[in-house]
Amino acid sequence: MATEILEKVPSVDEVLREVSRISNNVTQAVEDGFKSAVKAYEQGRRTTEDMIDDGKRMMRRKPVESAGVIFAAGMLTGAFITWLACRGD
């Protein structure tokens, strides 16, 4: 029984190989996560730029409607903030 346990104890080289393998896996996972985050950031930035460009085009094509939408959004925001402030009393 004791000899079986001693035979199953890994050598230093085996432990170092396993630690190296785990280290490589963790490093790869971190790199993959970083690449995914950068990709998501770039996609979000491009989408935001596209939306800003669309908004600018819309303001040039339909300035009166655009001003009306901005005015309505401001009124709704103001009403909501007022409602929140009065609700606390």
N, C-alpha and C. Protein backbone atom coordinates (compact mmCIF):
# COMPACT_ATOMS: atom_id res chain seq x y z
N MET A 1 0.82 -1.19 0.00
CA MET A 1 0.00 0.00 0.00
C MET A 1 0.86 1.25 0.00
N ALA A 2 1.88 1.32 0.84
CA ALA A 2 2.75 2.49 0.92
C ALA A 2 3.52 2.68 -0.37
N THR A 3 3.90 1.58 -1.01
CA THR A 3 4.65 1.72 -2.26
C THR A 3 3.76 2.26 -3.37
N GLU A 4 2.44 1.92 -3.34
CA GLU A 4 1.51 2.46 -4.34
C GLU A 4 1.40 3.96 -4.22
N ILE A 5 1.33 4.46 -2.99
CA ILE A 5 1.22 5.91 -2.76
C ILE A 5 2.48 6.60 -3.23
N LEU A 6 3.63 6.03 -2.91
CA LEU A 6 4.89 6.63 -3.33
C LEU A 6 5.03 6.62 -4.84
N GLU A 7 4.51 5.61 -5.49
CA GLU A 7 4.58 5.54 -6.94
C GLU A 7 3.67 6.58 -7.60
N LYS A 8 2.59 6.96 -6.94
CA LYS A 8 1.65 7.93 -7.50
C LYS A 8 2.07 9.37 -7.26
N VAL A 9 3.03 9.62 -6.42
CA VAL A 9 3.47 10.98 -6.16
C VAL A 9 4.17 11.51 -7.42
N PRO A 10 3.71 12.64 -7.94
CA PRO A 10 4.30 13.14 -9.17
C PRO A 10 5.71 13.68 -8.95
N SER A 11 6.49 13.62 -9.99
CA SER A 11 7.84 14.16 -9.90
C SER A 11 7.78 15.68 -10.03
N VAL A 12 8.87 16.32 -9.71
CA VAL A 12 8.95 17.77 -9.81
C VAL A 12 8.74 18.20 -11.26
N ASP A 13 9.29 17.45 -12.19
CA ASP A 13 9.11 17.77 -13.60
C ASP A 13 7.64 17.71 -14.02
N GLU A 14 6.93 16.70 -13.51
CA GLU A 14 5.51 16.57 -13.84
C GLU A 14 4.71 17.74 -13.26
N VAL A 15 5.04 18.11 -12.04
CA VAL A 15 4.35 19.24 -11.39
C VAL A 15 4.63 20.52 -12.17
N LEU A 16 5.88 20.73 -12.56
CA LEU A 16 6.24 21.93 -13.32
C LEU A 16 5.54 21.95 -14.68
N ARG A 17 5.43 20.81 -15.34
CA ARG A 17 4.72 20.74 -16.61
C ARG A 17 3.24 21.10 -16.43
N GLU A 18 2.66 20.58 -15.36
CA GLU A 18 1.25 20.86 -15.10
C GLU A 18 1.04 22.34 -14.77
N VAL A 19 1.92 22.90 -13.97
CA VAL A 19 1.83 24.34 -13.64
C VAL A 19 2.00 25.17 -14.91
N SER A 20 2.92 24.79 -15.77
CA SER A 20 3.14 25.50 -17.03
C SER A 20 1.91 25.40 -17.91
N ARG A 21 1.29 24.24 -17.97
CA ARG A 21 0.09 24.05 -18.78
C ARG A 21 -1.05 24.93 -18.26
N ILE A 22 -1.23 24.93 -16.95
CA ILE A 22 -2.29 25.76 -16.35
C ILE A 22 -2.00 27.24 -16.59
N SER A 23 -0.75 27.63 -16.44
CA SER A 23 -0.37 29.02 -16.68
C SER A 23 -0.65 29.42 -18.12
N ASN A 24 -0.34 28.54 -19.06
CA ASN A 24 -0.62 28.83 -20.47
C ASN A 24 -2.12 28.96 -20.72
N ASN A 25 -2.91 28.09 -20.10
CA ASN A 25 -4.36 28.16 -20.26
C ASN A 25 -4.92 29.46 -19.71
N VAL A 26 -4.44 29.87 -18.55
CA VAL A 26 -4.92 31.12 -17.94
C VAL A 26 -4.50 32.31 -18.80
N THR A 27 -3.26 32.30 -19.27
CA THR A 27 -2.78 33.39 -20.12
C THR A 27 -3.61 33.48 -21.39
N GLN A 28 -3.91 32.35 -22.00
CA GLN A 28 -4.72 32.34 -23.23
C GLN A 28 -6.12 32.86 -22.95
N ALA A 29 -6.70 32.47 -21.82
CA ALA A 29 -8.05 32.93 -21.48
C ALA A 29 -8.07 34.44 -21.27
N VAL A 30 -7.06 34.97 -20.61
CA VAL A 30 -6.98 36.42 -20.38
C VAL A 30 -6.82 37.15 -21.72
N GLU A 31 -5.95 36.64 -22.57
CA GLU A 31 -5.76 37.26 -23.89
C GLU A 31 -7.05 37.22 -24.71
N ASP A 32 -7.76 36.10 -24.68
CA ASP A 32 -9.02 35.99 -25.40
C ASP A 32 -10.04 36.99 -24.86
N GLY A 33 -10.11 37.11 -23.53
CA GLY A 33 -11.04 38.06 -22.92
C GLY A 33 -10.70 39.49 -23.30
N PHE A 34 -9.42 39.82 -23.31
CA PHE A 34 -8.99 41.17 -23.69
C PHE A 34 -9.34 41.45 -25.14
N LYS A 35 -9.09 40.48 -26.02
CA LYS A 35 -9.41 40.67 -27.44
C LYS A 35 -10.92 40.87 -27.62
N SER A 36 -11.71 40.11 -26.88
CA SER A 36 -13.17 40.26 -26.97
C SER A 36 -13.61 41.64 -26.49
N ALA A 37 -13.00 42.12 -25.41
CA ALA A 37 -13.35 43.43 -24.88
C ALA A 37 -12.99 44.53 -25.88
N VAL A 38 -11.82 44.43 -26.48
CA VAL A 38 -11.41 45.43 -27.47
C VAL A 38 -12.34 45.40 -28.67
N LYS A 39 -12.71 44.21 -29.10
CA LYS A 39 -13.62 44.06 -30.24
C LYS A 39 -14.98 44.69 -29.92
N ALA A 40 -15.50 44.44 -28.72
CA ALA A 40 -16.79 45.01 -28.32
C ALA A 40 -16.70 46.53 -28.23
N TYR A 41 -15.59 47.04 -27.71
CA TYR A 41 -15.40 48.49 -27.61
C TYR A 41 -15.40 49.12 -29.00
N GLU A 42 -14.66 48.53 -29.92
CA GLU A 42 -14.58 49.06 -31.28
C GLU A 42 -15.95 49.02 -31.96
N GLN A 43 -16.69 47.95 -31.77
CA GLN A 43 -18.02 47.85 -32.36
C GLN A 43 -18.94 48.92 -31.77
N GLY A 44 -18.88 49.12 -30.46
CA GLY A 44 -19.69 50.14 -29.82
C GLY A 44 -19.33 51.54 -30.30
N ARG A 45 -18.04 51.79 -30.48
CA ARG A 45 -17.59 53.09 -30.95
C ARG A 45 -18.09 53.34 -32.38
N ARG A 46 -17.98 52.33 -33.24
CA ARG A 46 -18.46 52.48 -34.62
C ARG A 46 -19.98 52.72 -34.65
N THR A 47 -20.71 51.97 -33.83
CA THR A 47 -22.16 52.14 -33.79
C THR A 47 -22.53 53.53 -33.32
N THR A 48 -21.83 54.02 -32.29
CA THR A 48 -22.09 55.37 -31.78
C THR A 48 -21.80 56.42 -32.83
N GLU A 49 -20.67 56.27 -33.53
CA GLU A 49 -20.35 57.22 -34.60
C GLU A 49 -21.40 57.20 -35.70
N ASP A 50 -21.88 56.01 -36.05
CA ASP A 50 -22.93 55.90 -37.07
C ASP A 50 -24.21 56.60 -36.62
N MET A 51 -24.56 56.43 -35.36
CA MET A 51 -25.77 57.07 -34.84
C MET A 51 -25.63 58.59 -34.83
N ILE A 52 -24.46 59.08 -34.47
CA ILE A 52 -24.23 60.53 -34.49
C ILE A 52 -24.33 61.06 -35.91
N ASP A 53 -23.72 60.35 -36.86
CA ASP A 53 -23.81 60.76 -38.27
C ASP A 53 -25.26 60.76 -38.75
N ASP A 54 -26.03 59.74 -38.37
CA ASP A 54 -27.45 59.68 -38.76
C ASP A 54 -28.21 60.87 -38.17
N GLY A 55 -27.91 61.19 -36.91
CA GLY A 55 -28.56 62.33 -36.27
C GLY A 55 -28.23 63.65 -36.96
N LYS A 56 -26.97 63.82 -37.35
CA LYS A 56 -26.57 65.04 -38.05
C LYS A 56 -27.28 65.15 -39.41
N ARG A 57 -27.35 64.01 -40.12
CA ARG A 57 -28.04 64.00 -41.42
C ARG A 57 -29.52 64.34 -41.25
N MET A 58 -30.13 63.79 -40.22
CA MET A 58 -31.54 64.05 -39.98
C MET A 58 -31.77 65.53 -39.64
N MET A 59 -30.85 66.10 -38.87
CA MET A 59 -31.01 67.52 -38.52
C MET A 59 -30.86 68.41 -39.75
N ARG A 60 -30.01 68.02 -40.70
CA ARG A 60 -29.86 68.80 -41.93
C ARG A 60 -31.09 68.65 -42.83
N ARG A 61 -31.63 67.44 -42.89
CA ARG A 61 -32.78 67.18 -43.77
C ARG A 61 -34.08 67.74 -43.22
N LYS A 62 -34.28 67.57 -41.92
CA LYS A 62 -35.55 67.97 -41.30
C LYS A 62 -35.27 68.75 -40.02
N PRO A 63 -34.85 69.99 -40.15
CA PRO A 63 -34.47 70.75 -38.95
C PRO A 63 -35.64 71.04 -38.00
N VAL A 64 -36.83 71.30 -38.55
CA VAL A 64 -37.98 71.62 -37.69
C VAL A 64 -38.40 70.40 -36.89
N GLU A 65 -38.48 69.24 -37.54
CA GLU A 65 -38.85 68.02 -36.83
C GLU A 65 -37.80 67.67 -35.78
N SER A 66 -36.54 67.86 -36.13
CA SER A 66 -35.45 67.56 -35.19
C SER A 66 -35.55 68.44 -33.96
N ALA A 67 -35.79 69.73 -34.18
CA ALA A 67 -35.93 70.66 -33.05
C ALA A 67 -37.13 70.26 -32.19
N GLY A 68 -38.21 69.83 -32.84
CA GLY A 68 -39.39 69.39 -32.09
C GLY A 68 -39.11 68.17 -31.24
N VAL A 69 -38.37 67.23 -31.77
CA VAL A 69 -38.02 66.02 -31.01
C VAL A 69 -37.13 66.39 -29.83
N ILE A 70 -36.16 67.27 -30.07
CA ILE A 70 -35.27 67.69 -28.98
C ILE A 70 -36.06 68.43 -27.91
N PHE A 71 -36.97 69.29 -28.32
CA PHE A 71 -37.80 70.03 -27.36
C PHE A 71 -38.65 69.06 -26.54
N ALA A 72 -39.28 68.10 -27.22
CA ALA A 72 -40.13 67.13 -26.52
C ALA A 72 -39.31 66.29 -25.54
N ALA A 73 -38.13 65.89 -25.95
CA ALA A 73 -37.28 65.10 -25.06
C ALA A 73 -36.90 65.91 -23.83
N GLY A 74 -36.59 67.19 -24.03
CA GLY A 74 -36.26 68.07 -22.89
C GLY A 74 -37.44 68.24 -21.96
N MET A 75 -38.64 68.42 -22.52
CA MET A 75 -39.85 68.58 -21.69
C MET A 75 -40.12 67.31 -20.88
N LEU A 76 -40.00 66.16 -21.53
CA LEU A 76 -40.24 64.90 -20.82
C LEU A 76 -39.21 64.69 -19.71
N THR A 77 -37.96 65.01 -20.00
CA THR A 77 -36.91 64.87 -18.99
C THR A 77 -37.19 65.80 -17.82
N GLY A 78 -37.54 67.04 -18.12
CA GLY A 78 -37.85 68.00 -17.06
C GLY A 78 -39.04 67.56 -16.23
N ALA A 79 -40.08 67.05 -16.89
CA ALA A 79 -41.27 66.59 -16.17
C ALA A 79 -40.92 65.40 -15.27
N PHE A 80 -40.10 64.51 -15.78
CA PHE A 80 -39.71 63.35 -14.99
C PHE A 80 -38.90 63.76 -13.77
N ILE A 81 -37.95 64.67 -13.95
CA ILE A 81 -37.13 65.14 -12.83
C ILE A 81 -38.00 65.86 -11.81
N THR A 82 -38.95 66.67 -12.28
CA THR A 82 -39.87 67.37 -11.37
C THR A 82 -40.72 66.37 -10.60
N TRP A 83 -41.22 65.35 -11.30
CA TRP A 83 -42.02 64.32 -10.64
C TRP A 83 -41.20 63.60 -9.57
N LEU A 84 -39.93 63.27 -9.88
CA LEU A 84 -39.07 62.62 -8.89
C LEU A 84 -38.85 63.52 -7.67
N ALA A 85 -38.63 64.81 -7.93
CA ALA A 85 -38.36 65.73 -6.83
C ALA A 85 -39.59 65.92 -5.94
N CYS A 86 -40.77 66.00 -6.55
CA CYS A 86 -42.00 66.19 -5.77
C CYS A 86 -42.44 64.92 -5.06
N ARG A 87 -42.08 63.80 -5.59
CA ARG A 87 -42.47 62.52 -5.00
C ARG A 87 -41.82 62.29 -3.65
N GLY A 88 -40.66 62.88 -3.44
CA GLY A 88 -39.94 62.70 -2.18
C GLY A 88 -40.57 63.45 -1.03
N ASP A 89 -41.43 64.45 -1.31
CA ASP A 89 -42.06 65.23 -0.24
C ASP A 89 -43.15 64.51 0.46
